[in-house]
Amino acid sequence: MTSTRRETRNDVVSLYVGETRTQFTVHKDLIGNVPWFKKAFLGGFKEQNRTMDMPEDSPEVVALFVDWLYRGMIMRLNTLPNIKSLYAFYIFADKIREGGLMDQIIDAI
């Protein structure tokens, strides 16, 4: 008899970011709301094994993204290391085609 694993709300995925391969663990049902990641984790890509390598991205930027996923808003401007972080964050948001996030970043800038 073959058993199939059922996904739960506690299922997570791991993102390995930058040259240092900094690991970010994110709930799959949350990151799955972002179409770019949904295609990777739920589509026909190798990321279906619950991991994604993102060597070209910055851990600092992905940390901002993960924070946004869980909070629904970007961090306060005074908590960011510098304005360049917001510019890099905007470029990342454009890469993943997350228009609502792009709007929030422009408002913060």
PDB file of N, CA and C in Angstrom:
ATOM      1  N   MET A   1       0.845  -1.175   0.000  1.00  0.00           N
ATOM      2  CA  MET A   1       0.000   0.000   0.000  1.00  0.00           C
ATOM      3  C   MET A   1       0.892   1.240   0.000  1.00  0.00           C
ATOM      4  N   THR A   2       0.614   2.152  -0.878  1.00  0.00           N
ATOM      5  CA  THR A   2       1.398   3.372  -0.996  1.00  0.00           C
ATOM      6  C   THR A   2       0.791   4.451  -0.117  1.00  0.00           C
ATOM      7  N   SER A   3       1.651   5.112   0.655  1.00  0.00           N
ATOM      8  CA  SER A   3       1.149   6.212   1.477  1.00  0.00           C
ATOM      9  C   SER A   3       1.497   7.525   0.789  1.00  0.00           C
ATOM     10  N   THR A   4       0.598   8.460   0.883  1.00  0.00           N
ATOM     11  CA  THR A   4       0.850   9.786   0.330  1.00  0.00           C
ATOM     12  C   THR A   4       0.907  10.765   1.479  1.00  0.00           C
ATOM     13  N   ARG A   5       1.840  11.656   1.409  1.00  0.00           N
ATOM     14  CA  ARG A   5       2.015  12.650   2.453  1.00  0.00           C
ATOM     15  C   ARG A   5       1.046  13.787   2.193  1.00  0.00           C
ATOM     16  N   ARG A   6       0.278  14.135   3.183  1.00  0.00           N
ATOM     17  CA  ARG A   6      -0.663  15.241   3.049  1.00  0.00           C
ATOM     18  C   ARG A   6      -0.016  16.510   3.573  1.00  0.00           C
ATOM     19  N   GLU A   7      -0.188  17.588   2.827  1.00  0.00           N
ATOM     20  CA  GLU A   7       0.361  18.860   3.266  1.00  0.00           C
ATOM     21  C   GLU A   7      -0.473  19.405   4.410  1.00  0.00           C
ATOM     22  N   THR A   8       0.193  20.028   5.355  1.00  0.00           N
ATOM     23  CA  THR A   8      -0.482  20.668   6.474  1.00  0.00           C
ATOM     24  C   THR A   8      -0.129  22.143   6.473  1.00  0.00           C
ATOM     25  N   ARG A   9      -0.778  22.892   7.327  1.00  0.00           N
ATOM     26  CA  ARG A   9      -0.494  24.320   7.433  1.00  0.00           C
ATOM     27  C   ARG A   9       0.900  24.557   7.986  1.00  0.00           C
ATOM     28  N   ASN A  10       1.542  23.523   8.517  1.00  0.00           N
ATOM     29  CA  ASN A  10       2.872  23.671   9.079  1.00  0.00           C
ATOM     30  C   ASN A  10       3.969  23.318   8.082  1.00  0.00           C
ATOM     31  N   ASP A  11       3.612  22.963   6.849  1.00  0.00           N
ATOM     32  CA  ASP A  11       4.624  22.644   5.842  1.00  0.00           C
ATOM     33  C   ASP A  11       5.446  23.887   5.541  1.00  0.00           C
ATOM     34  N   VAL A  12       6.745  23.685   5.456  1.00  0.00           N
ATOM     35  CA  VAL A  12       7.647  24.800   5.210  1.00  0.00           C
ATOM     36  C   VAL A  12       8.527  24.512   4.006  1.00  0.00           C
ATOM     37  N   VAL A  13       9.087  25.585   3.451  1.00  0.00           N
ATOM     38  CA  VAL A  13      10.069  25.485   2.379  1.00  0.00           C
ATOM     39  C   VAL A  13      11.314  26.223   2.837  1.00  0.00           C
ATOM     40  N   SER A  14      12.443  25.871   2.249  1.00  0.00           N
ATOM     41  CA  SER A  14      13.707  26.518   2.579  1.00  0.00           C
ATOM     42  C   SER A  14      14.247  27.238   1.361  1.00  0.00           C
ATOM     43  N   LEU A  15      14.629  28.489   1.569  1.00  0.00           N
ATOM     44  CA  LEU A  15      15.274  29.290   0.546  1.00  0.00           C
ATOM     45  C   LEU A  15      16.733  29.429   0.947  1.00  0.00           C
ATOM     46  N   TYR A  16      17.650  29.115   0.027  1.00  0.00           N
ATOM     47  CA  TYR A  16      19.082  29.259   0.270  1.00  0.00           C
ATOM     48  C   TYR A  16      19.569  30.424  -0.581  1.00  0.00           C
ATOM     49  N   VAL A  17      19.953  31.515   0.091  1.00  0.00           N
ATOM     50  CA  VAL A  17      20.123  32.796  -0.582  1.00  0.00           C
ATOM     51  C   VAL A  17      21.566  33.283  -0.545  1.00  0.00           C
ATOM     52  N   GLY A  18      22.007  33.808  -1.695  1.00  0.00           N
ATOM     53  CA  GLY A  18      23.320  34.429  -1.811  1.00  0.00           C
ATOM     54  C   GLY A  18      24.450  33.415  -1.856  1.00  0.00           C
ATOM     55  N   GLU A  19      25.643  33.956  -1.966  1.00  0.00           N
ATOM     56  CA  GLU A  19      26.831  33.105  -2.017  1.00  0.00           C
ATOM     57  C   GLU A  19      27.029  32.348  -0.711  1.00  0.00           C
ATOM     58  N   THR A  20      26.556  32.933   0.382  1.00  0.00           N
ATOM     59  CA  THR A  20      26.705  32.300   1.699  1.00  0.00           C
ATOM     60  C   THR A  20      25.651  31.222   1.941  1.00  0.00           C
ATOM     61  N   ARG A  21      24.683  31.123   1.041  1.00  0.00           N
ATOM     62  CA  ARG A  21      23.575  30.161   1.160  1.00  0.00           C
ATOM     63  C   ARG A  21      22.851  30.311   2.503  1.00  0.00           C
ATOM     64  N   THR A  22      22.544  31.544   2.844  1.00  0.00           N
ATOM     65  CA  THR A  22      21.787  31.826   4.059  1.00  0.00           C
ATOM     66  C   THR A  22      20.415  31.182   3.917  1.00  0.00           C
ATOM     67  N   GLN A  23      19.999  30.441   4.929  1.00  0.00           N
ATOM     68  CA  GLN A  23      18.742  29.706   4.858  1.00  0.00           C
ATOM     69  C   GLN A  23      17.601  30.510   5.478  1.00  0.00           C
ATOM     70  N   PHE A  24      16.496  30.558   4.757  1.00  0.00           N
ATOM     71  CA  PHE A  24      15.250  31.134   5.247  1.00  0.00           C
ATOM     72  C   PHE A  24      14.195  30.038   5.167  1.00  0.00           C
ATOM     73  N   THR A  25      13.503  29.803   6.245  1.00  0.00           N
ATOM     74  CA  THR A  25      12.442  28.810   6.283  1.00  0.00           C
ATOM     75  C   THR A  25      11.119  29.557   6.344  1.00  0.00           C
ATOM     76  N   VAL A  26      10.240  29.253   5.396  1.00  0.00           N
ATOM     77  CA  VAL A  26       8.985  29.980   5.243  1.00  0.00           C
ATOM     78  C   VAL A  26       7.849  28.975   5.103  1.00  0.00           C
ATOM     79  N   HIS A  27       6.696  29.306   5.684  1.00  0.00           N
ATOM     80  CA  HIS A  27       5.531  28.430   5.533  1.00  0.00           C
ATOM     81  C   HIS A  27       5.106  28.389   4.064  1.00  0.00           C
ATOM     82  N   LYS A  28       4.907  27.189   3.573  1.00  0.00           N
ATOM     83  CA  LYS A  28       4.595  26.986   2.158  1.00  0.00           C
ATOM     84  C   LYS A  28       3.275  27.637   1.763  1.00  0.00           C
ATOM     85  N   ASP A  29       2.274  27.565   2.641  1.00  0.00           N
ATOM     86  CA  ASP A  29       0.988  28.163   2.277  1.00  0.00           C
ATOM     87  C   ASP A  29       1.074  29.685   2.202  1.00  0.00           C
ATOM     88  N   LEU A  30       2.028  30.284   2.901  1.00  0.00           N
ATOM     89  CA  LEU A  30       2.201  31.727   2.852  1.00  0.00           C
ATOM     90  C   LEU A  30       2.969  32.152   1.602  1.00  0.00           C
ATOM     91  N   ILE A  31       4.101  31.527   1.339  1.00  0.00           N
ATOM     92  CA  ILE A  31       4.907  31.893   0.168  1.00  0.00           C
ATOM     93  C   ILE A  31       4.186  31.483  -1.124  1.00  0.00           C
ATOM     94  N   GLY A  32       3.289  30.508  -1.020  1.00  0.00           N
ATOM     95  CA  GLY A  32       2.506  30.077  -2.176  1.00  0.00           C
ATOM     96  C   GLY A  32       1.511  31.114  -2.653  1.00  0.00           C
ATOM     97  N   ASN A  33       1.298  32.167  -1.856  1.00  0.00           N
ATOM     98  CA  ASN A  33       0.427  33.263  -2.280  1.00  0.00           C
ATOM     99  C   ASN A  33       1.120  34.200  -3.265  1.00  0.00           C
ATOM    100  N   VAL A  34       2.430  34.059  -3.390  1.00  0.00           N
ATOM    101  CA  VAL A  34       3.198  34.862  -4.342  1.00  0.00           C
ATOM    102  C   VAL A  34       3.342  34.027  -5.617  1.00  0.00           C
ATOM    103  N   PRO A  35       2.729  34.464  -6.723  1.00  0.00           N
ATOM    104  CA  PRO A  35       2.699  33.636  -7.932  1.00  0.00           C
ATOM    105  C   PRO A  35       4.057  33.098  -8.380  1.00  0.00           C
ATOM    106  N   TRP A  36       5.104  33.903  -8.294  1.00  0.00           N
ATOM    107  CA  TRP A  36       6.441  33.457  -8.734  1.00  0.00           C
ATOM    108  C   TRP A  36       6.888  32.241  -7.940  1.00  0.00           C
ATOM    109  N   PHE A  37       6.680  32.265  -6.630  1.00  0.00           N
ATOM    110  CA  PHE A  37       7.067  31.135  -5.792  1.00  0.00           C
ATOM    111  C   PHE A  37       6.075  29.978  -5.927  1.00  0.00           C
ATOM    112  N   LYS A  38       4.815  30.303  -6.140  1.00  0.00           N
ATOM    113  CA  LYS A  38       3.805  29.259  -6.317  1.00  0.00           C
ATOM    114  C   LYS A  38       4.150  28.378  -7.514  1.00  0.00           C
ATOM    115  N   LYS A  39       4.570  29.005  -8.602  1.00  0.00           N
ATOM    116  CA  LYS A  39       4.951  28.230  -9.785  1.00  0.00           C
ATOM    117  C   LYS A  39       6.141  27.330  -9.492  1.00  0.00           C
ATOM    118  N   ALA A  40       7.077  27.839  -8.707  1.00  0.00           N
ATOM    119  CA  ALA A  40       8.284  27.062  -8.403  1.00  0.00           C
ATOM    120  C   ALA A  40       7.978  25.890  -7.479  1.00  0.00           C
ATOM    121  N   PHE A  41       7.202  26.140  -6.429  1.00  0.00           N
ATOM    122  CA  PHE A  41       6.974  25.103  -5.433  1.00  0.00           C
ATOM    123  C   PHE A  41       5.786  24.200  -5.738  1.00  0.00           C
ATOM    124  N   LEU A  42       4.844  24.663  -6.530  1.00  0.00           N
ATOM    125  CA  LEU A  42       3.672  23.855  -6.824  1.00  0.00           C
ATOM    126  C   LEU A  42       3.591  23.435  -8.281  1.00  0.00           C
ATOM    127  N   GLY A  43       4.462  24.010  -9.111  1.00  0.00           N
ATOM    128  CA  GLY A  43       4.463  23.670 -10.531  1.00  0.00           C
ATOM    129  C   GLY A  43       5.378  22.494 -10.812  1.00  0.00           C
ATOM    130  N   GLY A  44       5.836  22.386 -12.020  1.00  0.00           N
ATOM    131  CA  GLY A  44       6.654  21.257 -12.435  1.00  0.00           C
ATOM    132  C   GLY A  44       8.148  21.470 -12.292  1.00  0.00           C
ATOM    133  N   PHE A  45       8.577  22.298 -11.365  1.00  0.00           N
ATOM    134  CA  PHE A  45       9.995  22.586 -11.223  1.00  0.00           C
ATOM    135  C   PHE A  45      10.635  21.733 -10.131  1.00  0.00           C
ATOM    136  N   LYS A  46      11.944  21.697 -10.102  1.00  0.00           N
ATOM    137  CA  LYS A  46      12.672  20.905  -9.119  1.00  0.00           C
ATOM    138  C   LYS A  46      12.443  21.389  -7.688  1.00  0.00           C
ATOM    139  N   GLU A  47      11.953  22.619  -7.519  1.00  0.00           N
ATOM    140  CA  GLU A  47      11.742  23.169  -6.200  1.00  0.00           C
ATOM    141  C   GLU A  47      10.613  22.459  -5.453  1.00  0.00           C
ATOM    142  N   GLN A  48       9.939  21.545  -6.113  1.00  0.00           N
ATOM    143  CA  GLN A  48       8.879  20.816  -5.434  1.00  0.00           C
ATOM    144  C   GLN A  48       9.419  20.014  -4.255  1.00  0.00           C
ATOM    145  N   ASN A  49      10.735  19.864  -4.165  1.00  0.00           N
ATOM    146  CA  ASN A  49      11.304  19.156  -3.022  1.00  0.00           C
ATOM    147  C   ASN A  49      11.426  20.073  -1.811  1.00  0.00           C
ATOM    148  N   ARG A  50      10.821  21.245  -1.861  1.00  0.00           N
ATOM    149  CA  ARG A  50      10.730  22.189  -0.750  1.00  0.00           C
ATOM    150  C   ARG A  50      11.992  23.005  -0.495  1.00  0.00           C
ATOM    151  N   THR A  51      12.886  23.069  -1.461  1.00  0.00           N
ATOM    152  CA  THR A  51      14.051  23.936  -1.336  1.00  0.00           C
ATOM    153  C   THR A  51      14.231  24.734  -2.618  1.00  0.00           C
ATOM    154  N   MET A  52      14.810  25.912  -2.479  1.00  0.00           N
ATOM    155  CA  MET A  52      15.096  26.736  -3.643  1.00  0.00           C
ATOM    156  C   MET A  52      16.434  27.426  -3.416  1.00  0.00           C
ATOM    157  N   ASP A  53      17.301  27.327  -4.392  1.00  0.00           N
ATOM    158  CA  ASP A  53      18.574  28.045  -4.363  1.00  0.00           C
ATOM    159  C   ASP A  53      18.384  29.385  -5.062  1.00  0.00           C
ATOM    160  N   MET A  54      18.813  30.439  -4.385  1.00  0.00           N
ATOM    161  CA  MET A  54      18.695  31.791  -4.920  1.00  0.00           C
ATOM    162  C   MET A  54      20.054  32.482  -4.792  1.00  0.00           C
ATOM    163  N   PRO A  55      21.078  31.981  -5.499  1.00  0.00           N
ATOM    164  CA  PRO A  55      22.435  32.502  -5.315  1.00  0.00           C
ATOM    165  C   PRO A  55      22.622  33.946  -5.753  1.00  0.00           C
ATOM    166  N   GLU A  56      21.769  34.427  -6.644  1.00  0.00           N
ATOM    167  CA  GLU A  56      21.933  35.783  -7.168  1.00  0.00           C
ATOM    168  C   GLU A  56      21.273  36.843  -6.290  1.00  0.00           C
ATOM    169  N   ASP A  57      20.534  36.418  -5.278  1.00  0.00           N
ATOM    170  CA  ASP A  57      19.811  37.368  -4.440  1.00  0.00           C
ATOM    171  C   ASP A  57      20.564  37.651  -3.146  1.00  0.00           C
ATOM    172  N   SER A  58      20.200  38.747  -2.513  1.00  0.00           N
ATOM    173  CA  SER A  58      20.842  39.194  -1.284  1.00  0.00           C
ATOM    174  C   SER A  58      20.080  38.672  -0.067  1.00  0.00           C
ATOM    175  N   PRO A  59      20.776  38.085   0.899  1.00  0.00           N
ATOM    176  CA  PRO A  59      20.099  37.655   2.129  1.00  0.00           C
ATOM    177  C   PRO A  59      19.384  38.807   2.835  1.00  0.00           C
ATOM    178  N   GLU A  60      19.960  40.002   2.781  1.00  0.00           N
ATOM    179  CA  GLU A  60      19.331  41.165   3.413  1.00  0.00           C
ATOM    180  C   GLU A  60      17.971  41.465   2.764  1.00  0.00           C
ATOM    181  N   VAL A  61      17.924  41.382   1.450  1.00  0.00           N
ATOM    182  CA  VAL A  61      16.681  41.660   0.725  1.00  0.00           C
ATOM    183  C   VAL A  61      15.657  40.559   0.971  1.00  0.00           C
ATOM    184  N   VAL A  62      16.085  39.319   0.943  1.00  0.00           N
ATOM    185  CA  VAL A  62      15.144  38.225   1.178  1.00  0.00           C
ATOM    186  C   VAL A  62      14.628  38.270   2.620  1.00  0.00           C
ATOM    187  N   ALA A  63      15.449  38.714   3.553  1.00  0.00           N
ATOM    188  CA  ALA A  63      14.985  38.884   4.931  1.00  0.00           C
ATOM    189  C   ALA A  63      13.856  39.915   4.982  1.00  0.00           C
ATOM    190  N   LEU A  64      13.997  41.009   4.218  1.00  0.00           N
ATOM    191  CA  LEU A  64      12.930  42.009   4.140  1.00  0.00           C
ATOM    192  C   LEU A  64      11.668  41.401   3.540  1.00  0.00           C
ATOM    193  N   PHE A  65      11.828  40.582   2.505  1.00  0.00           N
ATOM    194  CA  PHE A  65      10.700  39.933   1.849  1.00  0.00           C
ATOM    195  C   PHE A  65       9.977  38.979   2.803  1.00  0.00           C
ATOM    196  N   VAL A  66      10.728  38.167   3.515  1.00  0.00           N
ATOM    197  CA  VAL A  66      10.126  37.213   4.452  1.00  0.00           C
ATOM    198  C   VAL A  66       9.386  37.965   5.552  1.00  0.00           C
ATOM    199  N   ASP A  67       9.984  39.037   6.035  1.00  0.00           N
ATOM    200  CA  ASP A  67       9.317  39.857   7.044  1.00  0.00           C
ATOM    201  C   ASP A  67       8.007  40.409   6.493  1.00  0.00           C
ATOM    202  N   TRP A  68       8.035  40.871   5.249  1.00  0.00           N
ATOM    203  CA  TRP A  68       6.820  41.397   4.606  1.00  0.00           C
ATOM    204  C   TRP A  68       5.762  40.305   4.470  1.00  0.00           C
ATOM    205  N   LEU A  69       6.185  39.094   4.121  1.00  0.00           N
ATOM    206  CA  LEU A  69       5.223  37.997   3.990  1.00  0.00           C
ATOM    207  C   LEU A  69       4.442  37.781   5.281  1.00  0.00           C
ATOM    208  N   TYR A  70       5.140  37.802   6.383  1.00  0.00           N
ATOM    209  CA  TYR A  70       4.505  37.516   7.663  1.00  0.00           C
ATOM    210  C   TYR A  70       3.765  38.714   8.258  1.00  0.00           C
ATOM    211  N   ARG A  71       4.236  39.924   8.001  1.00  0.00           N
ATOM    212  CA  ARG A  71       3.611  41.116   8.567  1.00  0.00           C
ATOM    213  C   ARG A  71       2.555  41.745   7.663  1.00  0.00           C
ATOM    214  N   GLY A  72       2.715  41.548   6.339  1.00  0.00           N
ATOM    215  CA  GLY A  72       1.810  42.179   5.400  1.00  0.00           C
ATOM    216  C   GLY A  72       2.165  43.626   5.104  1.00  0.00           C
ATOM    217  N   MET A  73       3.286  44.079   5.630  1.00  0.00           N
ATOM    218  CA  MET A  73       3.770  45.436   5.366  1.00  0.00           C
ATOM    219  C   MET A  73       5.284  45.430   5.507  1.00  0.00           C
ATOM    220  N   ILE A  74       5.924  46.415   4.900  1.00  0.00           N
ATOM    221  CA  ILE A  74       7.383  46.454   4.998  1.00  0.00           C
ATOM    222  C   ILE A  74       7.782  47.068   6.333  1.00  0.00           C
ATOM    223  N   MET A  75       9.015  46.788   6.720  1.00  0.00           N
ATOM    224  CA  MET A  75       9.534  47.319   7.977  1.00  0.00           C
ATOM    225  C   MET A  75       9.553  48.837   7.936  1.00  0.00           C
ATOM    226  N   ARG A  76       9.530  49.432   9.090  1.00  0.00           N
ATOM    227  CA  ARG A  76       9.642  50.886   9.153  1.00  0.00           C
ATOM    228  C   ARG A  76      10.948  51.340   8.534  1.00  0.00           C
ATOM    229  N   LEU A  77      10.897  52.460   7.882  1.00  0.00           N
ATOM    230  CA  LEU A  77      12.066  52.988   7.191  1.00  0.00           C
ATOM    231  C   LEU A  77      13.247  53.173   8.142  1.00  0.00           C
ATOM    232  N   ASN A  78      12.994  53.580   9.372  1.00  0.00           N
ATOM    233  CA  ASN A  78      14.092  53.840  10.307  1.00  0.00           C
ATOM    234  C   ASN A  78      14.763  52.564  10.812  1.00  0.00           C
ATOM    235  N   THR A  79      14.220  51.395  10.507  1.00  0.00           N
ATOM    236  CA  THR A  79      14.847  50.141  10.928  1.00  0.00           C
ATOM    237  C   THR A  79      15.719  49.546   9.824  1.00  0.00           C
ATOM    238  N   LEU A  80      15.685  50.131   8.634  1.00  0.00           N
ATOM    239  CA  LEU A  80      16.481  49.617   7.525  1.00  0.00           C
ATOM    240  C   LEU A  80      17.901  50.167   7.600  1.00  0.00           C
ATOM    241  N   PRO A  81      18.870  49.354   7.182  1.00  0.00           N
ATOM    242  CA  PRO A  81      20.264  49.806   7.234  1.00  0.00           C
ATOM    243  C   PRO A  81      20.527  51.051   6.387  1.00  0.00           C
ATOM    244  N   ASN A  82      19.910  51.127   5.207  1.00  0.00           N
ATOM    245  CA  ASN A  82      20.092  52.298   4.352  1.00  0.00           C
ATOM    246  C   ASN A  82      19.073  52.270   3.226  1.00  0.00           C
ATOM    247  N   ILE A  83      18.957  53.393   2.527  1.00  0.00           N
ATOM    248  CA  ILE A  83      17.968  53.507   1.449  1.00  0.00           C
ATOM    249  C   ILE A  83      18.259  52.544   0.302  1.00  0.00           C
ATOM    250  N   LYS A  84      19.524  52.176   0.112  1.00  0.00           N
ATOM    251  CA  LYS A  84      19.862  51.225  -0.944  1.00  0.00           C
ATOM    252  C   LYS A  84      19.152  49.895  -0.728  1.00  0.00           C
ATOM    253  N   SER A  85      18.882  49.566   0.527  1.00  0.00           N
ATOM    254  CA  SER A  85      18.152  48.330   0.824  1.00  0.00           C
ATOM    255  C   SER A  85      16.765  48.361   0.195  1.00  0.00           C
ATOM    256  N   LEU A  86      16.116  49.518   0.249  1.00  0.00           N
ATOM    257  CA  LEU A  86      14.787  49.638  -0.361  1.00  0.00           C
ATOM    258  C   LEU A  86      14.862  49.531  -1.877  1.00  0.00           C
ATOM    259  N   TYR A  87      15.890  50.108  -2.473  1.00  0.00           N
ATOM    260  CA  TYR A  87      16.034  50.004  -3.930  1.00  0.00           C
ATOM    261  C   TYR A  87      16.249  48.551  -4.345  1.00  0.00           C
ATOM    262  N   ALA A  88      17.102  47.843  -3.620  1.00  0.00           N
ATOM    263  CA  ALA A  88      17.345  46.430  -3.916  1.00  0.00           C
ATOM    264  C   ALA A  88      16.081  45.614  -3.675  1.00  0.00           C
ATOM    265  N   PHE A  89      15.343  45.976  -2.651  1.00  0.00           N
ATOM    266  CA  PHE A  89      14.085  45.294  -2.337  1.00  0.00           C
ATOM    267  C   PHE A  89      13.076  45.497  -3.467  1.00  0.00           C
ATOM    268  N   TYR A  90      13.022  46.711  -4.012  1.00  0.00           N
ATOM    269  CA  TYR A  90      12.117  46.994  -5.131  1.00  0.00           C
ATOM    270  C   TYR A  90      12.476  46.147  -6.350  1.00  0.00           C
ATOM    271  N   ILE A  91      13.760  46.037  -6.641  1.00  0.00           N
ATOM    272  CA  ILE A  91      14.205  45.223  -7.778  1.00  0.00           C
ATOM    273  C   ILE A  91      13.807  43.759  -7.563  1.00  0.00           C
ATOM    274  N   PHE A  92      13.951  43.262  -6.336  1.00  0.00           N
ATOM    275  CA  PHE A  92      13.545  41.895  -6.025  1.00  0.00           C
ATOM    276  C   PHE A  92      12.035  41.729  -6.199  1.00  0.00           C
ATOM    277  N   ALA A  93      11.253  42.694  -5.706  1.00  0.00           N
ATOM    278  CA  ALA A  93       9.797  42.634  -5.840  1.00  0.00           C
ATOM    279  C   ALA A  93       9.384  42.613  -7.311  1.00  0.00           C
ATOM    280  N   ASP A  94      10.097  43.367  -8.130  1.00  0.00           N
ATOM    281  CA  ASP A  94       9.833  43.360  -9.570  1.00  0.00           C
ATOM    282  C   ASP A  94      10.177  41.993 -10.158  1.00  0.00           C
ATOM    283  N   LYS A  95      11.269  41.421  -9.728  1.00  0.00           N
ATOM    284  CA  LYS A  95      11.691  40.094 -10.214  1.00  0.00           C
ATOM    285  C   LYS A  95      10.612  39.045  -9.951  1.00  0.00           C
ATOM    286  N   ILE A  96      10.020  39.098  -8.762  1.00  0.00           N
ATOM    287  CA  ILE A  96       9.015  38.087  -8.413  1.00  0.00           C
ATOM    288  C   ILE A  96       7.598  38.527  -8.796  1.00  0.00           C
ATOM    289  N   ARG A  97       7.496  39.687  -9.456  1.00  0.00           N
ATOM    290  CA  ARG A  97       6.226  40.217  -9.974  1.00  0.00           C
ATOM    291  C   ARG A  97       5.170  40.393  -8.877  1.00  0.00           C
ATOM    292  N   GLU A  98       5.602  41.022  -7.774  1.00  0.00           N
ATOM    293  CA  GLU A  98       4.700  41.269  -6.649  1.00  0.00           C
ATOM    294  C   GLU A  98       4.379  42.756  -6.598  1.00  0.00           C
ATOM    295  N   GLY A  99       3.346  43.137  -7.374  1.00  0.00           N
ATOM    296  CA  GLY A  99       2.994  44.545  -7.544  1.00  0.00           C
ATOM    297  C   GLY A  99       2.612  45.259  -6.264  1.00  0.00           C
ATOM    298  N   GLY A 100       1.872  44.598  -5.382  1.00  0.00           N
ATOM    299  CA  GLY A 100       1.477  45.223  -4.122  1.00  0.00           C
ATOM    300  C   GLY A 100       2.681  45.582  -3.271  1.00  0.00           C
ATOM    301  N   LEU A 101       3.667  44.703  -3.254  1.00  0.00           N
ATOM    302  CA  LEU A 101       4.894  44.972  -2.515  1.00  0.00           C
ATOM    303  C   LEU A 101       5.655  46.125  -3.152  1.00  0.00           C
ATOM    304  N   MET A 102       5.705  46.139  -4.472  1.00  0.00           N
ATOM    305  CA  MET A 102       6.390  47.231  -5.177  1.00  0.00           C
ATOM    306  C   MET A 102       5.764  48.576  -4.801  1.00  0.00           C
ATOM    307  N   ASP A 103       4.428  48.622  -4.731  1.00  0.00           N
ATOM    308  CA  ASP A 103       3.735  49.863  -4.356  1.00  0.00           C
ATOM    309  C   ASP A 103       4.117  50.290  -2.944  1.00  0.00           C
ATOM    310  N   GLN A 104       4.171  49.338  -2.011  1.00  0.00           N
ATOM    311  CA  GLN A 104       4.521  49.664  -0.629  1.00  0.00           C
ATOM    312  C   GLN A 104       5.956  50.206  -0.537  1.00  0.00           C
ATOM    313  N   ILE A 105       6.857  49.630  -1.317  1.00  0.00           N
ATOM    314  CA  ILE A 105       8.245  50.075  -1.292  1.00  0.00           C
ATOM    315  C   ILE A 105       8.354  51.506  -1.841  1.00  0.00           C
ATOM    316  N   ILE A 106       7.646  51.779  -2.929  1.00  0.00           N
ATOM    317  CA  ILE A 106       7.655  53.139  -3.489  1.00  0.00           C
ATOM    318  C   ILE A 106       7.112  54.124  -2.462  1.00  0.00           C
ATOM    319  N   ASP A 107       6.064  53.751  -1.766  1.00  0.00           N
ATOM    320  CA  ASP A 107       5.516  54.642  -0.725  1.00  0.00           C
ATOM    321  C   ASP A 107       6.562  54.899   0.367  1.00  0.00           C
ATOM    322  N   ALA A 108       7.335  53.880   0.727  1.00  0.00           N
ATOM    323  CA  ALA A 108       8.362  54.038   1.768  1.00  0.00           C
ATOM    324  C   ALA A 108       9.514  54.917   1.296  1.00  0.00           C
ATOM    325  N   ILE A 109       9.842  54.802   0.003  1.00  0.00           N
ATOM    326  CA  ILE A 109      10.932  55.612  -0.550  1.00  0.00           C
ATOM    327  C   ILE A 109      10.505  57.058  -0.601  1.00  0.00           C
TER     328      ILE A 109
END
